[in-house]
Amino acid sequence: MNEIIKQTLEKHEILEEKIQKAIDIALKYNYIDGKEHKKWIIDQMVKVLAEGKYDEIIEKVNSQDGYEWEEGISP
């Protein structure tokens, strides 16, 4: 198999796994009420999807005027 195709397939599988983990978090906690808990759920999903770039993403969000990322409260 061509190396480029192999690498592309591996990246695709990794992305599918990340997406499934984020969906699993949403399905596991979707019934929980409360704004702070919802923020935590979204934060956990972003952590799964962003992996090693989480801090960089949050830093970028926090650098926007008048906005600060909130991690929320675990249910």
C-alpha atoms as a PDB file:
ATOM      1  CA  MET A   1       0.000   0.000   0.000  1.00  0.00           C
ATOM      2  CA  ASN A   2       1.229   3.450  -0.837  1.00  0.00           C
ATOM      3  CA  GLU A   3       2.708   5.135   2.265  1.00  0.00           C
ATOM      4  CA  ILE A   4       0.656   8.309   1.755  1.00  0.00           C
ATOM      5  CA  ILE A   5      -2.564   6.312   1.573  1.00  0.00           C
ATOM      6  CA  LYS A   6      -1.580   4.372   4.686  1.00  0.00           C
ATOM      7  CA  GLN A   7      -0.864   7.572   6.634  1.00  0.00           C
ATOM      8  CA  THR A   8      -4.126   9.109   5.462  1.00  0.00           C
ATOM      9  CA  LEU A   9      -6.093   6.068   6.590  1.00  0.00           C
ATOM     10  CA  GLU A  10      -4.365   6.112   9.984  1.00  0.00           C
ATOM     11  CA  LYS A  11      -5.189   9.799  10.450  1.00  0.00           C
ATOM     12  CA  HIS A  12      -8.783   9.121   9.446  1.00  0.00           C
ATOM     13  CA  GLU A  13      -9.058   6.341  12.037  1.00  0.00           C
ATOM     14  CA  ILE A  14      -7.624   8.614  14.732  1.00  0.00           C
ATOM     15  CA  LEU A  15     -10.129  11.342  13.850  1.00  0.00           C
ATOM     16  CA  GLU A  16     -12.991   8.859  13.934  1.00  0.00           C
ATOM     17  CA  GLU A  17     -11.896   7.712  17.402  1.00  0.00           C
ATOM     18  CA  LYS A  18     -11.733  11.300  18.681  1.00  0.00           C
ATOM     19  CA  ILE A  19     -15.162  12.082  17.280  1.00  0.00           C
ATOM     20  CA  GLN A  20     -16.632   8.944  18.830  1.00  0.00           C
ATOM     21  CA  LYS A  21     -15.111   9.797  22.240  1.00  0.00           C
ATOM     22  CA  ALA A  22     -16.600  13.303  22.079  1.00  0.00           C
ATOM     23  CA  ILE A  23     -19.991  11.877  21.112  1.00  0.00           C
ATOM     24  CA  ASP A  24     -19.752   9.361  23.971  1.00  0.00           C
ATOM     25  CA  ILE A  25     -19.165  12.212  26.439  1.00  0.00           C
ATOM     26  CA  ALA A  26     -22.177  14.112  25.076  1.00  0.00           C
ATOM     27  CA  LEU A  27     -24.422  11.047  25.286  1.00  0.00           C
ATOM     28  CA  LYS A  28     -23.216  10.074  28.752  1.00  0.00           C
ATOM     29  CA  TYR A  29     -23.816  13.488  30.333  1.00  0.00           C
ATOM     30  CA  ASN A  30     -26.523  15.115  28.175  1.00  0.00           C
ATOM     31  CA  TYR A  31     -29.233  14.635  30.806  1.00  0.00           C
ATOM     32  CA  ILE A  32     -27.426  16.698  33.439  1.00  0.00           C
ATOM     33  CA  ASP A  33     -28.884  20.133  34.097  1.00  0.00           C
ATOM     34  CA  GLY A  34     -26.962  23.225  34.982  1.00  0.00           C
ATOM     35  CA  LYS A  35     -24.933  25.741  33.056  1.00  0.00           C
ATOM     36  CA  GLU A  36     -21.656  24.938  34.832  1.00  0.00           C
ATOM     37  CA  HIS A  37     -22.060  21.218  34.151  1.00  0.00           C
ATOM     38  CA  LYS A  38     -22.779  21.878  30.468  1.00  0.00           C
ATOM     39  CA  LYS A  39     -19.593  23.957  30.288  1.00  0.00           C
ATOM     40  CA  TRP A  40     -17.678  21.025  31.766  1.00  0.00           C
ATOM     41  CA  ILE A  41     -19.160  18.647  29.188  1.00  0.00           C
ATOM     42  CA  ILE A  42     -18.160  20.941  26.334  1.00  0.00           C
ATOM     43  CA  ASP A  43     -14.691  21.358  27.846  1.00  0.00           C
ATOM     44  CA  GLN A  44     -14.236  17.585  28.032  1.00  0.00           C
ATOM     45  CA  MET A  45     -15.307  17.217  24.414  1.00  0.00           C
ATOM     46  CA  VAL A  46     -12.845  19.914  23.323  1.00  0.00           C
ATOM     47  CA  LYS A  47     -10.060  18.190  25.269  1.00  0.00           C
ATOM     48  CA  VAL A  48     -10.744  14.922  23.445  1.00  0.00           C
ATOM     49  CA  LEU A  49     -10.902  16.554  20.029  1.00  0.00           C
ATOM     50  CA  ALA A  50      -7.964  18.938  20.524  1.00  0.00           C
ATOM     51  CA  GLU A  51      -5.619  16.544  22.329  1.00  0.00           C
ATOM     52  CA  GLY A  52      -2.200  18.193  22.566  1.00  0.00           C
ATOM     53  CA  LYS A  53      -3.480  21.508  21.195  1.00  0.00           C
ATOM     54  CA  TYR A  54      -6.025  22.083  23.965  1.00  0.00           C
ATOM     55  CA  ASP A  55      -3.926  24.675  25.834  1.00  0.00           C
ATOM     56  CA  GLU A  56      -3.140  26.506  22.604  1.00  0.00           C
ATOM     57  CA  ILE A  57      -6.812  26.622  21.637  1.00  0.00           C
ATOM     58  CA  ILE A  58      -7.913  27.857  25.044  1.00  0.00           C
ATOM     59  CA  GLU A  59      -5.168  30.482  25.102  1.00  0.00           C
ATOM     60  CA  LYS A  60      -6.390  31.746  21.730  1.00  0.00           C
ATOM     61  CA  VAL A  61      -9.987  31.879  22.975  1.00  0.00           C
ATOM     62  CA  ASN A  62      -8.924  33.687  26.137  1.00  0.00           C
ATOM     63  CA  SER A  63      -7.012  36.289  24.118  1.00  0.00           C
ATOM     64  CA  GLN A  64     -10.268  37.465  22.542  1.00  0.00           C
ATOM     65  CA  ASP A  65     -11.705  40.639  24.013  1.00  0.00           C
ATOM     66  CA  GLY A  66     -14.150  40.069  26.828  1.00  0.00           C
ATOM     67  CA  TYR A  67     -14.095  36.289  26.759  1.00  0.00           C
ATOM     68  CA  GLU A  68     -12.547  33.716  29.042  1.00  0.00           C
ATOM     69  CA  TRP A  69     -12.895  29.959  28.608  1.00  0.00           C
ATOM     70  CA  GLU A  70     -14.558  28.303  31.560  1.00  0.00           C
ATOM     71  CA  GLU A  71     -13.954  24.635  32.305  1.00  0.00           C
ATOM     72  CA  GLY A  72     -17.191  24.307  34.231  1.00  0.00           C
ATOM     73  CA  ILE A  73     -17.879  21.938  37.100  1.00  0.00           C
ATOM     74  CA  SER A  74     -17.822  18.177  36.865  1.00  0.00           C
ATOM     75  CA  PRO A  75     -21.253  16.642  37.469  1.00  0.00           C
END
